[in-house]
Protein backbone atom coordinates (compact mmCIF):
# COMPACT_ATOMS: atom_id res chain seq x y z
CA UNK A 1 35.37 -15.74 7.07
CA UNK A 2 37.34 -18.95 7.22
CA UNK A 3 36.03 -22.09 5.63
CA UNK A 4 34.98 -24.57 8.33
CA UNK A 5 35.97 -28.20 8.14
CA UNK A 6 32.93 -29.96 6.78
CA UNK A 7 31.75 -33.57 6.69
CA UNK A 8 29.04 -35.15 4.64
CA UNK A 9 25.64 -34.78 6.30
CA UNK A 10 24.58 -37.63 8.63
CA UNK A 11 21.26 -37.79 6.79
CA UNK A 12 23.02 -38.89 3.65
CA UNK A 13 25.52 -41.16 5.43
CA UNK A 14 22.61 -42.95 7.10
CA UNK A 15 21.41 -44.27 3.77
CA UNK A 16 22.32 -47.89 3.06
CA UNK A 17 25.10 -46.91 0.76
CA UNK A 18 27.46 -49.85 1.28
CA UNK A 19 24.63 -52.39 1.19
CA UNK A 20 23.39 -50.94 -2.14
CA UNK A 21 26.94 -51.09 -3.54
CA UNK A 22 27.49 -54.66 -2.37
CA UNK A 23 24.20 -55.89 -3.76
CA UNK A 24 24.44 -54.11 -7.10
CA UNK A 25 28.04 -54.88 -7.92
CA UNK A 26 27.84 -58.54 -6.93
CA UNK A 27 24.60 -59.02 -8.87
CA UNK A 28 26.11 -57.33 -11.94
CA UNK A 29 29.17 -59.61 -11.84
CA UNK A 30 27.00 -62.71 -11.36
CA UNK A 31 24.90 -61.71 -14.35
CA UNK A 32 27.96 -61.47 -16.55
CA UNK A 33 29.03 -57.85 -16.40
CA UNK A 34 32.72 -57.16 -17.08
CA UNK A 35 32.48 -53.90 -15.15
CA UNK A 36 29.88 -52.18 -13.03
CA UNK A 37 29.46 -49.08 -11.00
CA UNK A 38 26.75 -47.72 -8.65
CA UNK A 39 25.92 -44.10 -8.00
CA UNK A 40 23.53 -42.82 -5.32
CA UNK A 41 22.51 -39.27 -6.08
CA UNK A 42 20.67 -36.89 -3.74
CA UNK A 43 19.87 -33.33 -4.90
CA UNK A 44 18.32 -30.84 -2.43
CA UNK A 45 17.20 -27.50 -3.80
CA UNK A 46 15.53 -24.36 -2.53
CA UNK A 47 14.46 -21.35 -4.59
CA UNK A 48 13.24 -18.06 -3.07
CA UNK A 49 11.91 -15.25 -5.19
CA UNK A 50 10.65 -11.80 -4.18
CA UNK A 51 9.09 -9.10 -6.36
CA UNK A 52 8.69 -5.51 -5.09
CA UNK A 53 9.26 -6.60 -1.50
CA UNK A 54 6.78 -9.45 -1.51
CA UNK A 55 7.47 -13.11 -1.51
CA UNK A 56 6.49 -14.45 -4.96
CA UNK A 57 7.53 -18.07 -4.44
CA UNK A 58 9.44 -20.39 -2.10
CA UNK A 59 9.97 -23.92 -3.46
CA UNK A 60 11.80 -26.82 -1.90
CA UNK A 61 12.63 -30.13 -3.57
CA UNK A 62 14.64 -33.33 -2.91
CA UNK A 63 15.47 -35.89 -5.53
CA UNK A 64 16.96 -39.21 -4.45
CA UNK A 65 17.78 -42.41 -6.27
CA UNK A 66 20.49 -44.67 -7.49
CA UNK A 67 21.82 -45.85 -10.83
CA UNK A 68 23.82 -48.89 -11.98
CA UNK A 69 26.04 -48.88 -15.09
CA UNK A 70 27.57 -51.98 -16.55
CA UNK A 71 29.78 -52.98 -19.41
CA UNK A 72 28.94 -56.37 -21.04
CA UNK A 73 31.00 -57.43 -23.98
CA UNK A 74 32.10 -53.86 -24.72
CA UNK A 75 28.56 -52.38 -24.49
CA UNK A 76 27.05 -50.07 -21.87
CA UNK A 77 23.94 -50.96 -19.92
CA UNK A 78 22.14 -48.63 -17.54
CA UNK A 79 19.21 -48.78 -15.15
CA UNK A 80 18.05 -46.74 -12.11
CA UNK A 81 15.48 -46.72 -9.34
CA UNK A 82 14.22 -44.64 -6.40
CA UNK A 83 13.82 -47.54 -3.98
CA UNK A 84 17.04 -47.64 -1.95
CA UNK A 85 17.06 -51.30 -0.86
CA UNK A 86 19.53 -54.10 -1.44
CA UNK A 87 17.01 -56.27 -3.22
CA UNK A 88 16.08 -53.46 -5.61
CA UNK A 89 19.74 -52.70 -6.25
CA UNK A 90 20.37 -56.27 -7.33
CA UNK A 91 17.33 -56.24 -9.59
CA UNK A 92 18.40 -52.95 -11.16
CA UNK A 93 21.93 -54.30 -11.77
CA UNK A 94 20.53 -57.33 -13.55
CA UNK A 95 18.27 -55.09 -15.61
CA UNK A 96 21.30 -53.03 -16.64
CA UNK A 97 23.03 -56.22 -17.81
CA UNK A 98 19.94 -57.08 -19.88
CA UNK A 99 19.96 -53.61 -21.41
CA UNK A 100 23.60 -54.00 -22.37
CA UNK A 101 23.03 -57.40 -24.01
CA UNK A 102 19.98 -56.03 -25.90
CA UNK A 103 22.06 -53.10 -27.20
CA UNK A 104 25.08 -55.15 -28.14
CA UNK A 105 23.87 -55.76 -31.72
CA UNK A 106 23.61 -51.98 -32.27
CA UNK A 107 26.99 -51.08 -30.78
CA UNK A 108 29.71 -50.23 -33.29
CA UNK A 109 32.26 -48.90 -30.79
CA UNK A 110 33.55 -51.17 -28.11
CA UNK A 111 33.68 -49.47 -24.73
CA UNK A 112 37.18 -49.30 -23.15
CA UNK A 113 37.75 -47.38 -19.93
CA UNK A 114 40.94 -45.50 -19.27
CA UNK A 115 42.57 -46.77 -16.01
CA UNK A 116 42.28 -44.80 -12.77
CA UNK A 117 43.65 -45.51 -9.32
CA UNK A 118 41.43 -47.14 -6.69
CA UNK A 119 39.99 -44.71 -4.07
CA UNK A 120 38.68 -46.73 -1.10
CA UNK A 121 36.54 -44.88 1.43
CA UNK A 122 37.33 -41.44 -0.10
CA UNK A 123 35.41 -38.32 0.81
CA UNK A 124 35.11 -34.78 -0.54
CA UNK A 125 33.16 -31.75 0.71
CA UNK A 126 33.19 -28.46 -1.11
CA UNK A 127 34.47 -25.21 0.38
CA UNK A 128 31.82 -23.32 2.25
CA UNK A 129 31.36 -21.91 5.76
CA UNK A 130 27.58 -21.93 6.38
CA UNK A 131 25.32 -24.53 4.84
CA UNK A 132 22.40 -22.47 3.41
CA UNK A 133 19.98 -25.33 4.30
CA UNK A 134 20.67 -24.81 7.99
CA UNK A 135 19.53 -21.15 7.78
CA UNK A 136 15.80 -20.70 8.56
CA UNK A 137 13.83 -19.71 5.49
CA UNK A 138 12.28 -16.61 7.20
CA UNK A 139 15.85 -15.36 7.89
CA UNK A 140 16.78 -15.80 4.24
CA UNK A 141 13.63 -14.00 3.11
CA UNK A 142 14.36 -11.16 5.53
CA UNK A 143 17.80 -10.63 4.06
CA UNK A 144 16.51 -10.60 0.49
CA UNK A 145 13.80 -8.13 1.56
CA UNK A 146 16.39 -5.91 3.15
CA UNK A 147 18.46 -5.85 -0.03
CA UNK A 148 15.30 -5.29 -2.13
CA UNK A 149 14.23 -2.31 0.00
CA UNK A 150 17.57 -0.60 -0.53
CA UNK A 151 16.86 -0.64 -4.26
CA UNK A 152 13.16 0.22 -4.03
CA UNK A 153 13.94 3.29 -1.94
CA UNK A 154 15.95 4.90 -4.74
CA UNK A 155 14.52 7.44 -7.13
CA UNK A 156 13.79 6.07 -10.62
CA UNK A 157 13.45 2.41 -9.57
CA UNK A 158 9.91 1.17 -10.35
CA UNK A 159 10.30 -2.53 -9.64
CA UNK A 160 12.76 -4.84 -7.97
CA UNK A 161 13.20 -8.63 -8.16
CA UNK A 162 15.24 -10.67 -5.73
CA UNK A 163 16.09 -14.33 -5.82
CA UNK A 164 18.40 -16.98 -4.47
CA UNK A 165 18.74 -20.57 -5.68
CA UNK A 166 20.49 -22.96 -3.34
CA UNK A 167 21.65 -26.47 -4.12
CA UNK A 168 23.18 -29.31 -2.05
CA UNK A 169 24.36 -32.25 -4.12
CA UNK A 170 25.46 -35.47 -2.48
CA UNK A 171 26.75 -38.61 -4.26
CA UNK A 172 28.04 -42.03 -3.36
CA UNK A 173 30.07 -43.90 -5.99
CA UNK A 174 31.30 -47.44 -6.00
CA UNK A 175 32.74 -49.62 -8.76
CA UNK A 176 34.12 -53.09 -9.37
CA UNK A 177 37.67 -51.70 -9.33
CA UNK A 178 37.22 -51.11 -5.65
CA UNK A 179 36.60 -47.38 -5.40
CA UNK A 180 34.06 -46.09 -2.90
CA UNK A 181 33.65 -42.25 -2.81
CA UNK A 182 31.26 -40.05 -0.88
CA UNK A 183 30.87 -36.36 -1.80
CA UNK A 184 28.88 -33.26 -0.88
CA UNK A 185 28.78 -30.00 -2.79
CA UNK A 186 26.98 -26.77 -1.92
CA UNK A 187 26.31 -23.95 -4.37
CA UNK A 188 24.02 -20.94 -4.60
CA UNK A 189 23.14 -17.94 -6.78
CA UNK A 190 21.79 -14.68 -5.32
CA UNK A 191 20.48 -12.08 -7.78
CA UNK A 192 18.83 -8.67 -7.62
CA UNK A 193 17.47 -6.62 -10.50
CA UNK A 194 16.17 -3.05 -10.61
CA UNK A 195 13.72 -2.02 -13.29
CA UNK A 196 12.69 1.48 -14.48
CA UNK A 197 9.65 2.02 -16.68
CA UNK A 198 8.76 4.87 -19.07
CA UNK A 199 4.96 4.42 -19.49
CA UNK A 200 4.72 7.28 -22.03
CA UNK A 201 7.28 5.71 -24.30
CA UNK A 202 6.21 2.15 -23.50
CA UNK A 203 9.80 1.06 -22.71
CA UNK A 204 11.72 -0.19 -19.72
CA UNK A 205 15.36 -0.71 -18.71
CA UNK A 206 17.03 -3.00 -16.22
CA UNK A 207 20.18 -3.25 -14.10
CA UNK A 208 21.20 -6.54 -12.43
CA UNK A 209 23.75 -7.42 -9.77
CA UNK A 210 26.92 -9.02 -11.09
CA UNK A 211 27.64 -11.54 -8.31
CA UNK A 212 28.13 -14.89 -10.01
CA UNK A 213 26.72 -18.21 -8.81
CA UNK A 214 29.40 -19.91 -6.70
CA UNK A 215 30.31 -22.97 -4.74
CA UNK A 216 29.92 -21.10 -1.51
CA UNK A 217 27.59 -21.07 1.50
CA UNK A 218 25.17 -18.54 2.95
CA UNK A 219 28.16 -16.35 3.96
CA UNK A 220 28.34 -15.34 0.29
CA UNK A 221 24.87 -13.72 0.48
CA UNK A 222 25.35 -11.99 3.77
CA UNK A 223 28.74 -10.67 2.66
CA UNK A 224 30.35 -12.17 5.77
CA UNK A 225 33.19 -13.73 3.75
CA UNK A 226 34.07 -10.43 2.12
CA UNK A 227 33.78 -11.89 -1.39
CA UNK A 228 31.16 -9.51 -2.70
CA UNK A 229 30.33 -5.93 -1.69
CA UNK A 230 26.56 -6.10 -1.71
CA UNK A 231 26.03 -2.78 0.05
CA UNK A 232 28.27 -0.96 -2.41
CA UNK A 233 26.77 -2.48 -5.53
CA UNK A 234 23.17 -2.06 -4.37
CA UNK A 235 23.86 1.59 -3.57
CA UNK A 236 25.22 2.30 -7.05
CA UNK A 237 22.77 0.34 -9.16
CA UNK A 238 20.11 3.08 -9.30
CA UNK A 239 22.76 5.53 -10.44
CA UNK A 240 24.01 3.23 -13.15
CA UNK A 241 20.44 2.53 -14.22
CA UNK A 242 19.51 6.22 -14.42
CA UNK A 243 22.65 6.92 -16.52
CA UNK A 244 21.89 3.95 -18.77
CA UNK A 245 18.36 5.25 -19.53
CA UNK A 246 19.82 8.59 -20.74
CA UNK A 247 22.91 7.19 -22.49
CA UNK A 248 23.36 7.76 -26.21
CA UNK A 249 23.05 4.86 -28.63
CA UNK A 250 26.28 3.30 -29.84
CA UNK A 251 27.78 3.85 -33.28
CA UNK A 252 28.30 0.55 -35.06
CA UNK A 253 31.66 -0.50 -36.45
CA UNK A 254 35.10 -1.91 -35.49
CA UNK A 255 35.91 -0.88 -31.93
CA UNK A 256 38.60 -1.50 -29.33
CA UNK A 257 37.11 -3.22 -26.27
CA UNK A 258 38.10 -3.69 -22.64
CA UNK A 259 35.99 -6.53 -21.35
CA UNK A 260 35.43 -7.07 -17.68
CA UNK A 261 35.52 -10.68 -16.34
CA UNK A 262 31.82 -10.33 -15.40
CA UNK A 263 31.09 -10.32 -19.10
CA UNK A 264 33.96 -12.34 -20.54
CA UNK A 265 33.20 -15.53 -18.62
CA UNK A 266 30.18 -16.19 -20.83
CA UNK A 267 32.22 -15.67 -24.03
CA UNK A 268 34.67 -18.25 -22.65
CA UNK A 269 31.86 -20.67 -21.85
CA UNK A 270 30.37 -20.54 -25.36
CA UNK A 271 33.42 -20.21 -27.58
CA UNK A 272 36.00 -22.27 -25.64
CA UNK A 273 34.22 -24.34 -23.03
CA UNK A 274 31.77 -26.00 -25.42
CA UNK A 275 34.19 -25.99 -28.33
CA UNK A 276 36.72 -28.10 -26.39
CA UNK A 277 34.31 -30.79 -25.26
CA UNK A 278 35.66 -33.85 -26.97
CA UNK A 279 32.22 -35.53 -27.54
CA UNK A 280 31.07 -32.42 -29.42
CA UNK A 281 34.35 -32.24 -31.41
CA UNK A 282 33.79 -35.80 -32.74
CA UNK A 283 30.10 -35.37 -33.48
CA UNK A 284 28.38 -37.04 -30.49
CA UNK A 285 26.27 -33.98 -29.73
CA UNK A 286 25.55 -32.96 -33.34
CA UNK A 287 21.82 -33.87 -33.21
CA UNK A 288 21.10 -31.56 -30.26
CA UNK A 289 23.91 -29.36 -28.86
CA UNK A 290 25.94 -29.14 -32.03
CA UNK A 291 29.54 -29.80 -32.96
CA UNK A 292 32.78 -27.87 -32.79
CA UNK A 293 35.05 -26.14 -35.27
CA UNK A 294 37.99 -27.24 -32.99
CA UNK A 295 38.23 -30.83 -34.34
CA UNK A 296 40.81 -33.35 -33.18
CA UNK A 297 42.73 -33.14 -36.44
CA UNK A 298 43.61 -29.56 -35.48
CA UNK A 299 44.92 -30.49 -32.01
CA UNK A 300 48.37 -28.96 -31.57
CA UNK A 301 48.10 -26.73 -34.66
CA UNK A 302 44.94 -24.63 -34.39
CA UNK A 303 45.81 -21.01 -33.58
CA UNK A 304 42.92 -20.30 -31.25
CA UNK A 305 44.15 -16.84 -30.19
CA UNK A 306 47.14 -14.72 -29.55
CA UNK A 307 50.23 -16.15 -27.80
CA UNK A 308 49.14 -14.63 -24.45
CA UNK A 309 46.11 -16.88 -24.40
CA UNK A 310 46.30 -19.64 -21.81
CA UNK A 311 43.12 -21.52 -20.98
CA UNK A 312 42.83 -24.35 -18.51
CA UNK A 313 40.24 -27.02 -17.67
CA UNK A 314 39.95 -27.39 -13.92
CA UNK A 315 37.99 -29.62 -11.63
CA UNK A 316 39.88 -28.42 -8.57
CA UNK A 317 39.33 -24.69 -8.46
CA UNK A 318 38.12 -23.62 -4.98
CA UNK A 319 34.43 -22.47 -5.04
CA UNK A 320 34.09 -23.51 -8.70
CA UNK A 321 30.65 -24.83 -9.70
CA UNK A 322 32.23 -27.77 -11.56
CA UNK A 323 34.75 -28.53 -8.84
CA UNK A 324 34.68 -32.07 -7.46
CA UNK A 325 36.86 -34.47 -5.55
CA UNK A 326 36.10 -37.14 -8.11
CA UNK A 327 33.85 -37.23 -11.13
CA UNK A 328 30.95 -39.60 -11.75
CA UNK A 329 33.32 -42.29 -13.02
CA UNK A 330 35.60 -42.18 -9.97
CA UNK A 331 38.29 -39.99 -11.60
CA UNK A 332 40.10 -37.55 -9.30
CA UNK A 333 39.80 -33.81 -10.03
CA UNK A 334 42.64 -32.29 -12.07
CA UNK A 335 43.77 -29.19 -13.91
CA UNK A 336 45.11 -29.31 -17.48
CA UNK A 337 45.73 -27.07 -20.49
CA UNK A 338 43.18 -26.59 -23.27
CA UNK A 339 44.83 -23.69 -25.02
CA UNK A 340 48.49 -22.85 -24.41
CA UNK A 341 50.36 -20.00 -26.09
CA UNK A 342 47.20 -19.43 -28.18
CA UNK A 343 47.22 -23.00 -29.59
CA UNK A 344 44.63 -25.73 -29.04
CA UNK A 345 46.37 -28.44 -26.99
CA UNK A 346 43.65 -30.33 -25.09
CA UNK A 347 40.07 -31.39 -24.64
CA UNK A 348 37.67 -32.19 -21.88
CA UNK A 349 37.28 -36.00 -21.57
CA UNK A 350 35.78 -38.91 -19.68
CA UNK A 351 37.16 -42.42 -19.27
CA UNK A 352 35.73 -43.69 -22.58
CA UNK A 353 36.93 -40.76 -24.73
CA UNK A 354 40.43 -40.52 -23.25
CA UNK A 355 41.69 -43.72 -24.96
CA UNK A 356 40.16 -42.66 -28.29
CA UNK A 357 42.34 -39.55 -28.17
CA UNK A 358 45.37 -41.66 -27.25
CA UNK A 359 45.51 -40.53 -23.61
CA UNK A 360 46.31 -42.85 -20.75
CA UNK A 361 43.95 -41.13 -18.30
CA UNK A 362 40.65 -39.26 -18.24
CA UNK A 363 40.79 -35.67 -16.99
CA UNK A 364 37.62 -36.25 -14.90
CA UNK A 365 34.78 -34.71 -16.91
CA UNK A 366 31.98 -37.21 -16.35
CA UNK A 367 28.75 -36.00 -14.71
CA UNK A 368 25.04 -36.83 -14.44
CA UNK A 369 22.53 -34.37 -13.01
CA UNK A 370 20.24 -37.11 -11.64
CA UNK A 371 20.35 -40.71 -10.56
CA UNK A 372 18.07 -41.41 -13.52
CA UNK A 373 20.38 -39.93 -16.13
CA UNK A 374 23.48 -41.57 -17.63
CA UNK A 375 26.80 -39.85 -16.79
CA UNK A 376 28.13 -38.00 -19.89
CA UNK A 377 31.11 -35.87 -20.61
CA UNK A 378 30.46 -32.42 -19.09
CA UNK A 379 32.30 -29.17 -18.84
CA UNK A 380 35.04 -28.49 -16.28
CA UNK A 381 35.70 -25.01 -14.90
CA UNK A 382 37.22 -23.59 -18.05
CA UNK A 383 39.32 -20.46 -17.31
CA UNK A 384 41.47 -17.88 -18.99
CA UNK A 385 44.63 -17.32 -16.98
CA UNK A 386 45.88 -13.82 -16.07
CA UNK A 387 49.17 -12.20 -16.96
CA UNK A 388 51.78 -14.29 -15.06
CA UNK A 389 54.46 -11.59 -15.33
CA UNK A 390 52.75 -8.39 -14.32
CA UNK A 391 49.57 -7.47 -12.36
CA UNK A 392 48.12 -5.19 -15.03
CA UNK A 393 44.94 -3.50 -13.74
CA UNK A 394 41.70 -2.99 -15.62
CA UNK A 395 42.33 0.80 -15.39
CA UNK A 396 45.66 0.32 -17.12
CA UNK A 397 44.02 -1.64 -19.97
CA UNK A 398 41.51 1.17 -20.35
CA UNK A 399 44.31 3.77 -20.41
CA UNK A 400 45.66 2.05 -23.62
CA UNK A 401 42.46 2.74 -25.56
CA UNK A 402 41.88 6.06 -27.34
CA UNK A 403 38.38 5.36 -28.62
CA UNK A 404 36.56 2.25 -27.40
CA UNK A 405 34.09 0.63 -25.03
CA UNK A 406 34.40 -0.98 -21.58
CA UNK A 407 31.90 -3.82 -21.13
CA UNK A 408 30.60 -5.00 -17.76
CA UNK A 409 28.24 -7.84 -16.90
CA UNK A 410 26.54 -10.43 -19.11
CA UNK A 411 23.17 -10.38 -20.69
CA UNK A 412 22.01 -11.92 -23.97
CA UNK A 413 24.16 -14.04 -26.37
CA UNK A 414 24.06 -16.04 -29.57
CA UNK A 415 26.49 -18.51 -31.08
CA UNK A 416 26.28 -21.00 -33.93
CA UNK A 417 26.27 -24.80 -33.61
CA UNK A 418 29.98 -25.06 -34.34
CA UNK A 419 30.80 -22.46 -31.55
CA UNK A 420 32.36 -20.19 -34.11
CA UNK A 421 30.19 -17.18 -35.12
CA UNK A 422 28.86 -15.28 -32.09
CA UNK A 423 27.55 -12.07 -30.62
CA UNK A 424 27.21 -10.95 -26.99
CA UNK A 425 25.69 -8.06 -25.12
CA UNK A 426 26.15 -6.91 -21.55
CA UNK A 427 24.78 -5.08 -18.53
CA UNK A 428 26.74 -1.81 -18.81
CA UNK A 429 28.77 -0.22 -21.61
CA UNK A 430 31.09 2.69 -20.90
CA UNK A 431 32.58 4.91 -23.60
CA UNK A 432 36.35 5.14 -23.50
CA UNK A 433 37.88 8.40 -24.64
CA UNK A 434 41.62 9.06 -24.46
CA UNK A 435 42.10 6.28 -21.97
CA UNK A 436 39.30 7.39 -19.62
CA UNK A 437 35.74 6.30 -19.05
CA UNK A 438 33.33 8.88 -20.42
CA UNK A 439 29.81 7.82 -19.58
CA UNK A 440 27.59 4.96 -20.66
CA UNK A 441 26.38 3.83 -24.08
CA UNK A 442 23.33 1.85 -25.07
CA UNK A 443 22.30 -0.79 -27.61
CA UNK A 444 25.71 -2.47 -27.77
CA UNK A 445 26.59 -5.98 -28.97
CA UNK A 446 29.95 -7.27 -30.04
CA UNK A 447 30.24 -9.71 -32.90
CA UNK A 448 33.08 -11.94 -34.14
CA UNK A 449 34.22 -15.43 -35.02
CA UNK A 450 35.96 -17.30 -32.19
CA UNK A 451 39.39 -17.26 -33.67
CA UNK A 452 39.17 -13.66 -34.86
CA UNK A 453 38.07 -12.56 -31.40
CA UNK A 454 40.78 -14.36 -29.45
CA UNK A 455 43.27 -13.51 -32.16
CA UNK A 456 42.57 -9.84 -31.45
CA UNK A 457 43.34 -10.09 -27.76
CA UNK A 458 46.30 -7.72 -27.18
CA UNK A 459 46.54 -7.89 -23.35
CA UNK A 460 45.20 -9.70 -20.35
CA UNK A 461 44.89 -8.26 -16.88
CA UNK A 462 46.85 -9.47 -13.88
CA UNK A 463 45.79 -11.73 -11.04
CA UNK A 464 44.06 -8.84 -9.16
CA UNK A 465 41.55 -8.59 -12.04
CA UNK A 466 40.75 -12.31 -12.19
CA UNK A 467 37.15 -13.18 -11.21
CA UNK A 468 35.25 -16.47 -11.17
CA UNK A 469 31.98 -16.25 -13.12
CA UNK A 470 29.66 -18.96 -14.13
CA UNK A 471 26.13 -20.38 -14.54
CA UNK A 472 23.80 -22.99 -13.05
CA UNK A 473 22.11 -23.90 -16.33
CA UNK A 474 24.49 -25.35 -18.91
CA UNK A 475 22.37 -27.67 -21.01
CA UNK A 476 23.36 -30.74 -23.00
CA UNK A 477 22.38 -34.26 -24.07
CA UNK A 478 19.16 -36.06 -24.88
CA UNK A 479 17.35 -36.56 -22.48
CA UNK A 480 18.46 -33.09 -21.44
CA UNK A 481 20.78 -32.58 -18.54
CA UNK A 482 21.79 -29.40 -16.70
CA UNK A 483 25.17 -28.74 -15.08
CA UNK A 484 26.68 -25.82 -13.14
CA UNK A 485 30.08 -24.57 -14.27
CA UNK A 486 32.41 -21.73 -13.44
CA UNK A 487 34.78 -19.76 -15.67
CA UNK A 488 37.52 -17.57 -14.27
CA UNK A 489 39.17 -14.81 -16.25
CA UNK A 490 40.93 -11.41 -15.96
CA UNK A 491 39.93 -8.27 -17.81
CA UNK A 492 41.16 -8.26 -21.42
CA UNK A 493 41.91 -5.74 -24.15
CA UNK A 494 40.79 -6.74 -27.69
CA UNK A 495 41.31 -4.63 -30.76
CA UNK A 496 38.99 -3.90 -33.68
CA UNK A 497 35.99 -5.99 -32.71
CA UNK A 498 32.81 -5.37 -34.69
CA UNK A 499 30.15 -3.53 -32.69
CA UNK A 500 26.46 -3.79 -33.62
CA UNK A 501 23.75 -1.34 -32.70
CA UNK A 502 21.03 -3.67 -31.47
CA UNK A 503 18.29 -1.12 -31.87
CA UNK A 504 19.22 -0.54 -35.47
CA UNK A 505 19.57 -4.24 -36.08
CA UNK A 506 15.98 -4.68 -34.75
CA UNK A 507 14.78 -2.07 -37.28
CA UNK A 508 13.92 0.48 -34.58
């Protein structure tokens, strides 16, 4: 299905956006601000959840407000409100200036913004064909019910859950440099899970669909865009689940792994995405989200992985959850290198941190999840690039392994506060024997340090294996904020990674 040409909804355009900007920015200047910006933020969400063919919940919410940021004598001030009137905007701007003056005595680092071109009357709408909020809720429930019944009809499936979370995010940004930017992004996450229960043993097992959340419309859930084979996956899930229940437990120890992108995206998120956030690397998140082993003194020298490792930050990837036209500081979306030839070469930055690293421009990583939260440096779509020379298939990577495991789908994970020591599990684990898949295994987790893991990567798959994964719920900051982010990657082959038996580790 082709992506239709979209415009920002009339309902958002009808808000007094220009009047708010004029009132706030002029009031901020008059009160003594050296710089000011205004951001109107509207977040529309719907969540639908079914269990065993019955609607468990349908919830709808809309959050709307505006925020004003100012810089006064090198110090930030911030204030927000839900009343979208020009008088309130002027009052909020003056309050932000008062906040900045109050905080000035505590500020030890003068705020300097990296320059950015002016974008007057700019607009961006994400790539989707059918706005999910234009689809009647009963129609959406009916589709989830249809998919659920396909699973419930299979032998060995005792329970089925189905859900879809849909988000429409709209923003208007204006600053004293002259930029005025309107944006609209749509994203959703459909998910189905089959559960089998053994009452006699008191245990259960699950199998979940692997379709990632994406910056797409309702066409993604219906399958009309051809992106995901829902019918094929739903038909095979009971078979995979039955095989998983009977699968032997894994033998712990060093093992060669072929990791599918449906699993690897989360390893990238935790061990690269968070580790290359500049604010973490210099200690700004240490009280809550942690720090990073990849500190700025190692930039250009840290051997993150093997020479075939090429990781980019990207705010332009089509259908990416962190894809924007401009970030929340008016910086245009870009792509740049984080790891090149296995070496750390870059960070994710906003307009304040870029000058501190000696860069002339931010790479556009500022975001706030609400009008009432301050924009902070947030993650771009961080992705491992495929083999540029050869379209190596996943099957070919598997053929290179004599005795190993093929890992599909994400599940639980753990990583330390420096993003260095980690372990990950998955949805399905297939034994590899003599280059062929030989049935499933159970109780598998892989464990490593970040540099040991990426330093053991022998091969990456080609472009045909590259898949965009991601999550809606990346958390950071105090007060806490949540951001959606995607991570693309190919299948990879890594040698000699330590495998844990999770059942044995639990003392069972």
